[in-house]
Amino acid sequence: MPFRTHTEYWNPNVSESVLDAAWDALDTNPMAIAISNDTARRAGLAPSMRFPWDGERSVYYVKGFHDLHCLKVLRKALVLQHNGENYASSFDHLLQCLDGLRQSVICTADDTPVPTTTPTHDAAGPFRLCRDWNKLVDWATRPDRHACHKFDDYRQATNELELFAHCPRDSPYFSVMHTYFEYHGHRDAYGVDSESKTEG
């Protein structure tokens, strides 16, 4: 694909609301995958959070989706700051995202030459050989790997188990998840309820 200066995600001639909608439509939900602990050990992965519906699996984030999530929250924070508003996410989260993106950029060490731009010249860069993003989505959402995870990029969950309440019916974990929530009920993933409040 060619490198372009103006895209559906950035164009000075397009309204902020249209650009916001384009960014909001970028789906980062395939980010969480459930990997068997044996597979993780063989791959040399550090221990991670236990997958709630199978104790033999752990939850890992796919870097590409996590980086995209970080770009979304950083853009949101910049736009809100520019408009005189505050972003609810913690400053540490934003700095963590910046450092994660720094590591990705340095790791990739992309040497593609891109043309400079001027006020009268919209640079169209060279074609680059890119990986297929849709194939990554397919890989991450395969039923045996899908972590049943959905979240809001711009809010911090207070009841994190609710983020894993989205197993599709063809998931091997659907019945375990369904039985759990049928017994315990659901809570607002982003709300504060009586069990999560601290006494003061």
N, C-alpha and C. Protein backbone atom coordinates (compact mmCIF):
# COMPACT_ATOMS: atom_id res chain seq x y z
N MET A 1 0.84 -1.19 0.00
CA MET A 1 0.00 0.00 0.00
C MET A 1 0.88 1.24 0.00
N PRO A 2 0.41 2.34 -0.60
CA PRO A 2 1.23 3.55 -0.62
C PRO A 2 1.13 4.33 0.69
N PHE A 3 2.20 5.00 1.03
CA PHE A 3 2.15 5.93 2.15
C PHE A 3 1.44 7.18 1.66
N ARG A 4 0.45 7.65 2.43
CA ARG A 4 -0.30 8.85 2.04
C ARG A 4 -0.30 9.86 3.19
N THR A 5 -0.20 11.13 2.84
CA THR A 5 -0.24 12.18 3.86
C THR A 5 -1.64 12.39 4.37
N HIS A 6 -2.62 12.37 3.47
CA HIS A 6 -4.01 12.55 3.86
C HIS A 6 -4.75 11.23 3.72
N THR A 7 -5.44 10.85 4.79
CA THR A 7 -6.20 9.60 4.80
C THR A 7 -7.55 9.86 5.44
N GLU A 8 -8.35 8.83 5.59
CA GLU A 8 -9.64 8.99 6.27
C GLU A 8 -9.45 9.26 7.77
N TYR A 9 -8.22 9.08 8.27
CA TYR A 9 -7.94 9.29 9.68
C TYR A 9 -7.26 10.64 9.94
N TRP A 10 -6.76 11.25 8.89
CA TRP A 10 -6.21 12.61 9.03
C TRP A 10 -6.32 13.34 7.70
N ASN A 11 -7.04 14.44 7.73
CA ASN A 11 -7.18 15.29 6.56
C ASN A 11 -7.66 16.65 7.06
N PRO A 12 -6.85 17.70 6.85
CA PRO A 12 -7.24 19.02 7.39
C PRO A 12 -8.51 19.58 6.77
N ASN A 13 -8.96 18.99 5.66
CA ASN A 13 -10.17 19.48 4.99
C ASN A 13 -11.43 18.71 5.40
N VAL A 14 -11.29 17.82 6.37
CA VAL A 14 -12.42 17.00 6.84
C VAL A 14 -12.75 17.41 8.27
N SER A 15 -14.02 17.40 8.61
CA SER A 15 -14.44 17.83 9.95
C SER A 15 -13.91 16.88 11.02
N GLU A 16 -13.74 17.45 12.21
CA GLU A 16 -13.24 16.65 13.33
C GLU A 16 -14.18 15.50 13.66
N SER A 17 -15.48 15.73 13.53
CA SER A 17 -16.44 14.67 13.85
C SER A 17 -16.32 13.49 12.90
N VAL A 18 -16.04 13.76 11.63
CA VAL A 18 -15.85 12.68 10.65
C VAL A 18 -14.59 11.90 10.97
N LEU A 19 -13.52 12.62 11.31
CA LEU A 19 -12.27 11.96 11.68
C LEU A 19 -12.45 11.15 12.97
N ASP A 20 -13.16 11.71 13.94
CA ASP A 20 -13.44 10.99 15.19
C ASP A 20 -14.15 9.67 14.89
N ALA A 21 -15.13 9.72 14.01
CA ALA A 21 -15.90 8.51 13.68
C ALA A 21 -15.01 7.46 13.04
N ALA A 22 -14.08 7.89 12.18
CA ALA A 22 -13.17 6.95 11.53
C ALA A 22 -12.28 6.27 12.57
N TRP A 23 -11.73 7.06 13.49
CA TRP A 23 -10.87 6.49 14.52
C TRP A 23 -11.66 5.57 15.46
N ASP A 24 -12.86 6.01 15.83
CA ASP A 24 -13.67 5.20 16.75
C ASP A 24 -14.05 3.86 16.12
N ALA A 25 -14.13 3.82 14.79
CA ALA A 25 -14.53 2.59 14.10
C ALA A 25 -13.40 1.56 14.04
N LEU A 26 -12.18 1.97 14.35
CA LEU A 26 -11.06 1.03 14.35
C LEU A 26 -11.24 0.06 15.52
N ASP A 27 -11.44 -1.20 15.23
CA ASP A 27 -11.77 -2.19 16.25
C ASP A 27 -10.52 -2.82 16.84
N THR A 28 -10.31 -2.58 18.12
CA THR A 28 -9.16 -3.17 18.81
C THR A 28 -9.56 -4.36 19.68
N ASN A 29 -10.83 -4.76 19.62
CA ASN A 29 -11.30 -5.85 20.48
C ASN A 29 -10.61 -7.19 20.25
N PRO A 30 -10.09 -7.49 19.06
CA PRO A 30 -9.36 -8.77 18.93
C PRO A 30 -8.03 -8.80 19.70
N MET A 31 -7.72 -7.73 20.44
CA MET A 31 -6.42 -7.61 21.11
C MET A 31 -6.13 -8.77 22.06
N ALA A 32 -7.11 -9.21 22.83
CA ALA A 32 -6.86 -10.24 23.85
C ALA A 32 -7.06 -11.64 23.27
N ILE A 33 -6.06 -12.48 23.47
CA ILE A 33 -6.15 -13.88 23.04
C ILE A 33 -5.85 -14.78 24.23
N ALA A 34 -6.39 -15.99 24.18
CA ALA A 34 -6.17 -16.98 25.25
C ALA A 34 -5.23 -18.06 24.71
N ILE A 35 -4.06 -18.16 25.30
CA ILE A 35 -3.04 -19.11 24.86
C ILE A 35 -2.85 -20.16 25.95
N SER A 36 -2.71 -21.41 25.54
CA SER A 36 -2.48 -22.45 26.54
C SER A 36 -1.16 -22.18 27.26
N ASN A 37 -1.12 -22.52 28.53
CA ASN A 37 0.09 -22.27 29.32
C ASN A 37 1.28 -23.04 28.77
N ASP A 38 1.06 -24.24 28.23
CA ASP A 38 2.15 -25.01 27.63
C ASP A 38 2.71 -24.29 26.41
N THR A 39 1.82 -23.79 25.56
CA THR A 39 2.26 -23.05 24.36
C THR A 39 3.04 -21.81 24.76
N ALA A 40 2.55 -21.10 25.76
CA ALA A 40 3.23 -19.89 26.23
C ALA A 40 4.62 -20.21 26.75
N ARG A 41 4.74 -21.31 27.51
CA ARG A 41 6.06 -21.70 28.04
C ARG A 41 7.02 -22.06 26.92
N ARG A 42 6.52 -22.85 25.94
CA ARG A 42 7.38 -23.24 24.82
C ARG A 42 7.84 -22.04 24.00
N ALA A 43 6.99 -21.01 23.93
CA ALA A 43 7.33 -19.80 23.17
C ALA A 43 8.19 -18.83 23.98
N GLY A 44 8.44 -19.15 25.24
CA GLY A 44 9.25 -18.29 26.08
C GLY A 44 8.54 -17.03 26.54
N LEU A 45 7.20 -17.07 26.56
CA LEU A 45 6.43 -15.91 27.00
C LEU A 45 6.42 -15.82 28.52
N ALA A 46 6.46 -14.61 29.02
CA ALA A 46 6.37 -14.40 30.47
C ALA A 46 4.97 -14.79 30.95
N PRO A 47 4.84 -15.22 32.20
CA PRO A 47 3.51 -15.55 32.72
C PRO A 47 2.56 -14.35 32.60
N SER A 48 1.30 -14.64 32.39
CA SER A 48 0.31 -13.58 32.21
C SER A 48 -0.95 -13.91 33.00
N MET A 49 -1.95 -13.05 32.91
CA MET A 49 -3.20 -13.22 33.64
C MET A 49 -3.91 -14.51 33.23
N ARG A 50 -4.44 -15.22 34.22
CA ARG A 50 -5.16 -16.45 33.94
C ARG A 50 -6.44 -16.14 33.17
N PHE A 51 -6.72 -16.95 32.15
CA PHE A 51 -7.97 -16.82 31.40
C PHE A 51 -9.11 -17.30 32.28
N PRO A 52 -10.15 -16.50 32.50
CA PRO A 52 -11.16 -16.87 33.50
C PRO A 52 -11.96 -18.12 33.17
N TRP A 53 -12.04 -18.52 31.90
CA TRP A 53 -12.90 -19.66 31.55
C TRP A 53 -12.14 -20.95 31.33
N ASP A 54 -10.82 -20.91 31.52
CA ASP A 54 -10.00 -22.12 31.37
C ASP A 54 -8.69 -21.89 32.10
N GLY A 55 -8.51 -22.56 33.24
CA GLY A 55 -7.31 -22.37 34.06
C GLY A 55 -6.03 -22.82 33.41
N GLU A 56 -6.12 -23.56 32.30
CA GLU A 56 -4.93 -24.00 31.58
C GLU A 56 -4.49 -23.00 30.52
N ARG A 57 -5.16 -21.85 30.46
CA ARG A 57 -4.82 -20.83 29.48
C ARG A 57 -4.60 -19.49 30.17
N SER A 58 -3.83 -18.63 29.50
CA SER A 58 -3.57 -17.28 30.00
C SER A 58 -3.90 -16.27 28.91
N VAL A 59 -4.15 -15.04 29.34
CA VAL A 59 -4.53 -13.97 28.42
C VAL A 59 -3.29 -13.17 28.03
N TYR A 60 -3.12 -12.97 26.73
CA TYR A 60 -2.05 -12.14 26.20
C TYR A 60 -2.65 -11.13 25.23
N TYR A 61 -1.99 -9.97 25.11
CA TYR A 61 -2.42 -8.95 24.16
C TYR A 61 -1.59 -9.07 22.89
N VAL A 62 -2.26 -9.02 21.74
CA VAL A 62 -1.57 -9.00 20.45
C VAL A 62 -1.04 -7.58 20.24
N LYS A 63 0.27 -7.48 20.01
CA LYS A 63 0.94 -6.17 19.99
C LYS A 63 0.33 -5.20 18.99
N GLY A 64 0.00 -5.66 17.80
CA GLY A 64 -0.55 -4.76 16.79
C GLY A 64 -1.84 -4.10 17.25
N PHE A 65 -2.73 -4.88 17.86
CA PHE A 65 -3.98 -4.32 18.36
C PHE A 65 -3.74 -3.40 19.55
N HIS A 66 -2.78 -3.78 20.39
CA HIS A 66 -2.48 -2.93 21.55
C HIS A 66 -1.90 -1.60 21.09
N ASP A 67 -1.02 -1.62 20.09
CA ASP A 67 -0.47 -0.38 19.56
C ASP A 67 -1.57 0.50 18.97
N LEU A 68 -2.51 -0.12 18.25
CA LEU A 68 -3.62 0.65 17.69
C LEU A 68 -4.48 1.25 18.80
N HIS A 69 -4.72 0.48 19.85
CA HIS A 69 -5.44 1.00 21.02
C HIS A 69 -4.71 2.23 21.57
N CYS A 70 -3.40 2.14 21.69
CA CYS A 70 -2.62 3.26 22.22
C CYS A 70 -2.73 4.49 21.32
N LEU A 71 -2.67 4.29 20.02
CA LEU A 71 -2.83 5.42 19.11
C LEU A 71 -4.19 6.07 19.28
N LYS A 72 -5.22 5.25 19.47
CA LYS A 72 -6.56 5.80 19.65
C LYS A 72 -6.66 6.64 20.93
N VAL A 73 -6.12 6.14 22.04
CA VAL A 73 -6.25 6.90 23.29
C VAL A 73 -5.37 8.15 23.27
N LEU A 74 -4.20 8.07 22.65
CA LEU A 74 -3.34 9.25 22.56
C LEU A 74 -3.98 10.32 21.68
N ARG A 75 -4.57 9.90 20.57
CA ARG A 75 -5.26 10.87 19.71
C ARG A 75 -6.42 11.51 20.46
N LYS A 76 -7.21 10.68 21.15
CA LYS A 76 -8.35 11.21 21.91
C LYS A 76 -7.89 12.24 22.93
N ALA A 77 -6.80 11.94 23.64
CA ALA A 77 -6.28 12.86 24.65
C ALA A 77 -5.82 14.17 24.01
N LEU A 78 -5.15 14.08 22.85
CA LEU A 78 -4.69 15.29 22.15
C LEU A 78 -5.86 16.14 21.67
N VAL A 79 -6.86 15.51 21.08
CA VAL A 79 -8.01 16.25 20.56
C VAL A 79 -8.76 16.93 21.70
N LEU A 80 -8.98 16.20 22.79
CA LEU A 80 -9.68 16.80 23.93
C LEU A 80 -8.89 17.95 24.53
N GLN A 81 -7.57 17.76 24.66
CA GLN A 81 -6.72 18.83 25.19
C GLN A 81 -6.78 20.05 24.29
N HIS A 82 -6.73 19.83 22.98
CA HIS A 82 -6.80 20.92 22.01
C HIS A 82 -8.13 21.68 22.14
N ASN A 83 -9.19 20.96 22.48
CA ASN A 83 -10.51 21.58 22.62
C ASN A 83 -10.80 22.06 24.04
N GLY A 84 -9.77 22.05 24.89
CA GLY A 84 -9.93 22.57 26.25
C GLY A 84 -10.62 21.62 27.21
N GLU A 85 -10.63 20.33 26.88
CA GLU A 85 -11.26 19.34 27.74
C GLU A 85 -10.20 18.40 28.30
N ASN A 86 -10.57 17.68 29.34
CA ASN A 86 -9.65 16.71 29.94
C ASN A 86 -10.03 15.30 29.54
N TYR A 87 -9.01 14.45 29.43
CA TYR A 87 -9.24 13.05 29.10
C TYR A 87 -9.24 12.25 30.39
N ALA A 88 -10.20 11.34 30.53
CA ALA A 88 -10.39 10.63 31.79
C ALA A 88 -9.29 9.61 32.09
N SER A 89 -8.60 9.12 31.08
CA SER A 89 -7.58 8.09 31.30
C SER A 89 -6.43 8.65 32.12
N SER A 90 -5.75 7.78 32.85
CA SER A 90 -4.64 8.23 33.67
C SER A 90 -3.47 8.66 32.80
N PHE A 91 -2.72 9.63 33.31
CA PHE A 91 -1.54 10.12 32.59
C PHE A 91 -0.52 8.99 32.43
N ASP A 92 -0.41 8.12 33.44
CA ASP A 92 0.52 6.99 33.36
C ASP A 92 0.16 6.07 32.19
N HIS A 93 -1.14 5.87 31.95
CA HIS A 93 -1.57 5.04 30.83
C HIS A 93 -1.10 5.64 29.51
N LEU A 94 -1.22 6.96 29.37
CA LEU A 94 -0.77 7.63 28.14
C LEU A 94 0.74 7.49 27.97
N LEU A 95 1.48 7.67 29.05
CA LEU A 95 2.94 7.55 28.96
C LEU A 95 3.36 6.11 28.66
N GLN A 96 2.65 5.15 29.25
CA GLN A 96 2.92 3.73 28.96
C GLN A 96 2.69 3.45 27.48
N CYS A 97 1.60 4.00 26.95
CA CYS A 97 1.31 3.83 25.52
C CYS A 97 2.41 4.44 24.65
N LEU A 98 2.85 5.63 25.01
CA LEU A 98 3.93 6.28 24.24
C LEU A 98 5.17 5.41 24.23
N ASP A 99 5.53 4.86 25.38
CA ASP A 99 6.73 4.04 25.43
C ASP A 99 6.56 2.75 24.65
N GLY A 100 5.36 2.16 24.70
CA GLY A 100 5.12 0.96 23.90
C GLY A 100 5.25 1.22 22.41
N LEU A 101 4.75 2.37 21.97
CA LEU A 101 4.87 2.74 20.55
C LEU A 101 6.33 3.03 20.20
N ARG A 102 7.05 3.66 21.12
CA ARG A 102 8.49 3.89 20.89
C ARG A 102 9.21 2.57 20.66
N GLN A 103 8.91 1.58 21.50
CA GLN A 103 9.56 0.28 21.35
C GLN A 103 9.21 -0.36 20.01
N SER A 104 7.95 -0.23 19.59
CA SER A 104 7.54 -0.81 18.31
C SER A 104 8.25 -0.14 17.14
N VAL A 105 8.36 1.18 17.18
CA VAL A 105 9.02 1.92 16.10
C VAL A 105 10.49 1.53 16.01
N ILE A 106 11.15 1.45 17.14
CA ILE A 106 12.58 1.11 17.14
C ILE A 106 12.77 -0.35 16.74
N CYS A 107 11.88 -1.23 17.18
CA CYS A 107 11.98 -2.64 16.81
C CYS A 107 11.80 -2.83 15.31
N THR A 108 10.84 -2.10 14.73
CA THR A 108 10.57 -2.23 13.29
C THR A 108 11.68 -1.63 12.45
N ALA A 109 12.26 -0.52 12.92
CA ALA A 109 13.35 0.17 12.20
C ALA A 109 13.03 0.32 10.71
N ASP A 110 11.86 0.87 10.41
CA ASP A 110 11.39 1.03 9.04
C ASP A 110 12.28 2.01 8.28
N ASP A 111 12.88 1.54 7.19
CA ASP A 111 13.80 2.39 6.42
C ASP A 111 13.16 2.91 5.12
N THR A 112 11.83 2.89 5.02
CA THR A 112 11.14 3.37 3.82
C THR A 112 11.32 4.88 3.69
N PRO A 113 11.86 5.38 2.55
CA PRO A 113 11.96 6.83 2.38
C PRO A 113 10.59 7.42 2.01
N VAL A 114 10.14 8.42 2.76
CA VAL A 114 8.87 9.08 2.46
C VAL A 114 9.16 10.54 2.11
N PRO A 115 8.45 11.08 1.11
CA PRO A 115 8.72 12.47 0.70
C PRO A 115 8.26 13.47 1.75
N THR A 116 8.93 14.60 1.77
CA THR A 116 8.52 15.68 2.66
C THR A 116 7.29 16.37 2.08
N THR A 117 6.58 17.08 2.93
CA THR A 117 5.39 17.80 2.47
C THR A 117 5.59 19.30 2.60
N THR A 118 4.87 20.04 1.79
CA THR A 118 4.84 21.50 1.86
C THR A 118 3.38 21.91 1.83
N PRO A 119 3.09 23.19 2.14
CA PRO A 119 1.68 23.62 2.09
C PRO A 119 1.00 23.41 0.74
N THR A 120 1.79 23.36 -0.33
CA THR A 120 1.19 23.20 -1.66
C THR A 120 1.39 21.81 -2.24
N HIS A 121 2.01 20.94 -1.47
CA HIS A 121 2.32 19.61 -2.01
C HIS A 121 1.90 18.54 -1.01
N ASP A 122 0.97 17.71 -1.42
CA ASP A 122 0.54 16.58 -0.60
C ASP A 122 1.36 15.37 -1.03
N ALA A 123 2.29 14.99 -0.19
CA ALA A 123 3.22 13.93 -0.57
C ALA A 123 2.53 12.58 -0.69
N ALA A 124 2.78 11.91 -1.79
CA ALA A 124 2.33 10.52 -1.96
C ALA A 124 3.59 9.67 -1.96
N GLY A 125 3.70 8.81 -1.00
CA GLY A 125 4.94 8.07 -0.81
C GLY A 125 5.01 6.80 -1.63
N PRO A 126 6.07 6.06 -1.42
CA PRO A 126 6.27 4.81 -2.15
C PRO A 126 5.30 3.73 -1.67
N PHE A 127 5.16 2.71 -2.48
CA PHE A 127 4.37 1.56 -2.06
C PHE A 127 5.17 0.75 -1.05
N ARG A 128 4.48 0.26 -0.05
CA ARG A 128 5.12 -0.57 0.96
C ARG A 128 4.44 -1.93 0.99
N LEU A 129 5.23 -2.94 1.27
CA LEU A 129 4.69 -4.28 1.43
C LEU A 129 4.21 -4.41 2.87
N CYS A 130 2.91 -4.52 3.05
CA CYS A 130 2.33 -4.56 4.39
C CYS A 130 1.75 -5.94 4.68
N ARG A 131 1.68 -6.27 5.93
CA ARG A 131 0.97 -7.47 6.34
C ARG A 131 -0.53 -7.24 6.20
N ASP A 132 -1.27 -8.32 6.09
CA ASP A 132 -2.72 -8.24 5.93
C ASP A 132 -3.37 -8.13 7.31
N TRP A 133 -3.90 -6.96 7.62
CA TRP A 133 -4.52 -6.72 8.93
C TRP A 133 -5.71 -7.65 9.15
N ASN A 134 -6.48 -7.89 8.10
CA ASN A 134 -7.66 -8.75 8.23
C ASN A 134 -7.28 -10.18 8.59
N LYS A 135 -6.12 -10.63 8.10
CA LYS A 135 -5.65 -11.97 8.48
C LYS A 135 -5.28 -12.02 9.96
N LEU A 136 -4.74 -10.91 10.46
CA LEU A 136 -4.42 -10.86 11.89
C LEU A 136 -5.71 -10.92 12.72
N VAL A 137 -6.73 -10.21 12.26
CA VAL A 137 -8.03 -10.26 12.95
C VAL A 137 -8.57 -11.69 12.95
N ASP A 138 -8.51 -12.35 11.79
CA ASP A 138 -9.00 -13.73 11.69
C ASP A 138 -8.23 -14.66 12.62
N TRP A 139 -6.91 -14.48 12.67
CA TRP A 139 -6.06 -15.32 13.52
C TRP A 139 -6.42 -15.12 15.00
N ALA A 140 -6.58 -13.86 15.41
CA ALA A 140 -6.83 -13.55 16.83
C ALA A 140 -8.23 -13.96 17.27
N THR A 141 -9.17 -14.02 16.34
CA THR A 141 -10.56 -14.30 16.72
C THR A 141 -10.98 -15.74 16.41
N ARG A 142 -10.01 -16.58 16.10
CA ARG A 142 -10.33 -17.99 15.90
C ARG A 142 -10.92 -18.54 17.20
N PRO A 143 -11.97 -19.37 17.14
CA PRO A 143 -12.67 -19.79 18.37
C PRO A 143 -11.77 -20.35 19.46
N ASP A 144 -10.73 -21.10 19.09
CA ASP A 144 -9.88 -21.70 20.13
C ASP A 144 -8.89 -20.69 20.72
N ARG A 145 -8.82 -19.51 20.13
CA ARG A 145 -7.87 -18.49 20.60
C ARG A 145 -8.59 -17.25 21.14
N HIS A 146 -9.80 -17.05 20.72
CA HIS A 146 -10.59 -15.86 21.07
C HIS A 146 -10.78 -15.80 22.59
N ALA A 147 -10.43 -14.67 23.21
CA ALA A 147 -10.51 -14.55 24.67
C ALA A 147 -11.85 -13.99 25.14
N CYS A 148 -12.84 -13.92 24.24
CA CYS A 148 -14.20 -13.47 24.63
C CYS A 148 -14.18 -12.05 25.19
N HIS A 149 -13.23 -11.26 24.76
CA HIS A 149 -12.92 -9.97 25.36
C HIS A 149 -13.40 -8.81 24.49
N LYS A 150 -14.16 -7.89 25.10
CA LYS A 150 -14.55 -6.65 24.43
C LYS A 150 -14.41 -5.52 25.43
N PHE A 151 -13.92 -4.38 24.94
CA PHE A 151 -13.72 -3.27 25.86
C PHE A 151 -13.88 -1.94 25.13
N ASP A 152 -13.98 -0.88 25.90
CA ASP A 152 -14.07 0.48 25.39
C ASP A 152 -12.67 1.08 25.49
N ASP A 153 -12.11 1.47 24.34
CA ASP A 153 -10.75 2.02 24.34
C ASP A 153 -10.57 3.19 25.30
N TYR A 154 -11.64 3.94 25.53
CA TYR A 154 -11.50 5.21 26.22
C TYR A 154 -11.95 5.20 27.68
N ARG A 155 -12.29 4.01 28.21
CA ARG A 155 -12.72 3.95 29.61
C ARG A 155 -11.98 2.83 30.33
N GLN A 156 -11.74 3.04 31.61
CA GLN A 156 -11.07 2.05 32.45
C GLN A 156 -12.13 1.18 33.12
N ALA A 157 -12.04 -0.12 32.91
CA ALA A 157 -13.03 -1.03 33.50
C ALA A 157 -12.81 -1.15 35.00
N THR A 158 -13.91 -1.21 35.75
CA THR A 158 -13.85 -1.44 37.19
C THR A 158 -14.23 -2.87 37.54
N ASN A 159 -15.00 -3.51 36.68
CA ASN A 159 -15.36 -4.93 36.86
C ASN A 159 -14.81 -5.70 35.66
N GLU A 160 -13.52 -6.04 35.75
CA GLU A 160 -12.81 -6.54 34.58
C GLU A 160 -13.32 -7.88 34.06
N LEU A 161 -13.89 -8.70 34.92
CA LEU A 161 -14.40 -9.98 34.46
C LEU A 161 -15.47 -9.79 33.38
N GLU A 162 -16.20 -8.68 33.46
CA GLU A 162 -17.24 -8.40 32.47
C GLU A 162 -16.66 -8.22 31.07
N LEU A 163 -15.40 -7.84 30.99
CA LEU A 163 -14.77 -7.69 29.67
C LEU A 163 -14.66 -9.04 28.95
N PHE A 164 -14.68 -10.13 29.72
CA PHE A 164 -14.54 -11.47 29.15
C PHE A 164 -15.90 -12.17 29.01
N ALA A 165 -16.96 -11.38 28.97
CA ALA A 165 -18.32 -11.93 28.92
C ALA A 165 -18.88 -11.98 27.50
N HIS A 166 -18.00 -12.11 26.51
CA HIS A 166 -18.44 -11.98 25.11
C HIS A 166 -18.01 -13.17 24.26
N CYS A 167 -18.09 -14.37 24.81
CA CYS A 167 -17.75 -15.56 24.03
C CYS A 167 -18.81 -15.76 22.94
N PRO A 168 -18.38 -15.92 21.69
CA PRO A 168 -19.36 -16.27 20.65
C PRO A 168 -19.87 -17.69 20.88
N ARG A 169 -21.02 -18.01 20.31
CA ARG A 169 -21.63 -19.32 20.56
C ARG A 169 -20.76 -20.48 20.10
N ASP A 170 -19.89 -20.24 19.11
CA ASP A 170 -19.03 -21.34 18.64
C ASP A 170 -17.75 -21.46 19.47
N SER A 171 -17.63 -20.65 20.52
CA SER A 171 -16.45 -20.70 21.38
C SER A 171 -16.50 -21.93 22.27
N PRO A 172 -15.36 -22.60 22.48
CA PRO A 172 -15.33 -23.73 23.42
C PRO A 172 -15.58 -23.29 24.86
N TYR A 173 -15.56 -21.97 25.11
CA TYR A 173 -15.74 -21.45 26.47
C TYR A 173 -17.13 -20.86 26.70
N PHE A 174 -17.98 -20.91 25.68
CA PHE A 174 -19.29 -20.27 25.80
C PHE A 174 -20.09 -20.83 26.97
N SER A 175 -20.15 -22.15 27.11
CA SER A 175 -21.00 -22.75 28.15
C SER A 175 -20.48 -22.41 29.55
N VAL A 176 -19.16 -22.41 29.75
CA VAL A 176 -18.60 -22.06 31.06
C VAL A 176 -18.93 -20.62 31.40
N MET A 177 -18.70 -19.73 30.42
CA MET A 177 -19.00 -18.31 30.63
C MET A 177 -20.49 -18.10 30.92
N HIS A 178 -21.33 -18.73 30.11
CA HIS A 178 -22.78 -18.57 30.25
C HIS A 178 -23.26 -19.06 31.62
N THR A 179 -22.74 -20.20 32.05
CA THR A 179 -23.13 -20.75 33.35
C THR A 179 -22.72 -19.82 34.49
N TYR A 180 -21.51 -19.27 34.39
CA TYR A 180 -21.02 -18.35 35.43
C TYR A 180 -21.94 -17.14 35.57
N PHE A 181 -22.23 -16.49 34.45
CA PHE A 181 -23.03 -15.27 34.53
C PHE A 181 -24.50 -15.55 34.79
N GLU A 182 -24.95 -16.73 34.42
CA GLU A 182 -26.33 -17.11 34.74
C GLU A 182 -26.50 -17.22 36.25
N TYR A 183 -25.46 -17.69 36.93
CA TYR A 183 -25.51 -17.85 38.39
C TYR A 183 -25.22 -16.53 39.12
N HIS A 184 -24.15 -15.83 38.69
CA HIS A 184 -23.69 -14.64 39.40
C HIS A 184 -24.31 -13.34 38.89
N GLY A 185 -24.84 -13.37 37.69
CA GLY A 185 -25.38 -12.14 37.11
C GLY A 185 -24.28 -11.26 36.55
N HIS A 186 -24.69 -10.21 35.85
CA HIS A 186 -23.75 -9.26 35.25
C HIS A 186 -23.68 -7.98 36.07
N ARG A 187 -22.56 -7.29 35.94
CA ARG A 187 -22.38 -5.96 36.51
C ARG A 187 -21.95 -5.03 35.39
N ASP A 188 -22.10 -3.75 35.62
CA ASP A 188 -21.62 -2.77 34.65
C ASP A 188 -20.09 -2.82 34.65
N ALA A 189 -19.51 -3.11 33.49
CA ALA A 189 -18.05 -3.23 33.40
C ALA A 189 -17.34 -1.95 33.80
N TYR A 190 -18.00 -0.81 33.61
CA TYR A 190 -17.34 0.47 33.85
C TYR A 190 -17.96 1.25 35.02
N GLY A 191 -18.89 0.63 35.72
CA GLY A 191 -19.56 1.31 36.82
C GLY A 191 -18.97 0.93 38.16
N VAL A 192 -19.43 1.59 39.19
CA VAL A 192 -19.03 1.28 40.56
C VAL A 192 -20.25 0.71 41.25
N ASP A 193 -20.15 -0.54 41.70
CA ASP A 193 -21.28 -1.13 42.40
C ASP A 193 -20.94 -1.34 43.86
N SER A 194 -21.87 -1.88 44.62
CA SER A 194 -21.70 -1.98 46.06
C SER A 194 -20.52 -2.86 46.45
N GLU A 195 -20.19 -3.86 45.61
CA GLU A 195 -19.10 -4.76 45.96
C GLU A 195 -17.74 -4.18 45.62
N SER A 196 -17.70 -3.20 44.70
CA SER A 196 -16.41 -2.65 44.31
C SER A 196 -16.13 -1.31 44.99
N LYS A 197 -17.11 -0.77 45.74
CA LYS A 197 -16.87 0.48 46.47
C LYS A 197 -15.99 0.23 47.68
N THR A 198 -15.17 1.20 48.01
CA THR A 198 -14.37 1.10 49.23
C THR A 198 -15.10 1.86 50.33
N GLU A 199 -15.06 1.29 51.51
CA GLU A 199 -15.72 1.95 52.63
C GLU A 199 -14.87 3.10 53.12
N GLY A 200 -15.50 4.20 53.49
CA GLY A 200 -14.72 5.35 53.90
C GLY A 200 -15.29 6.08 55.05
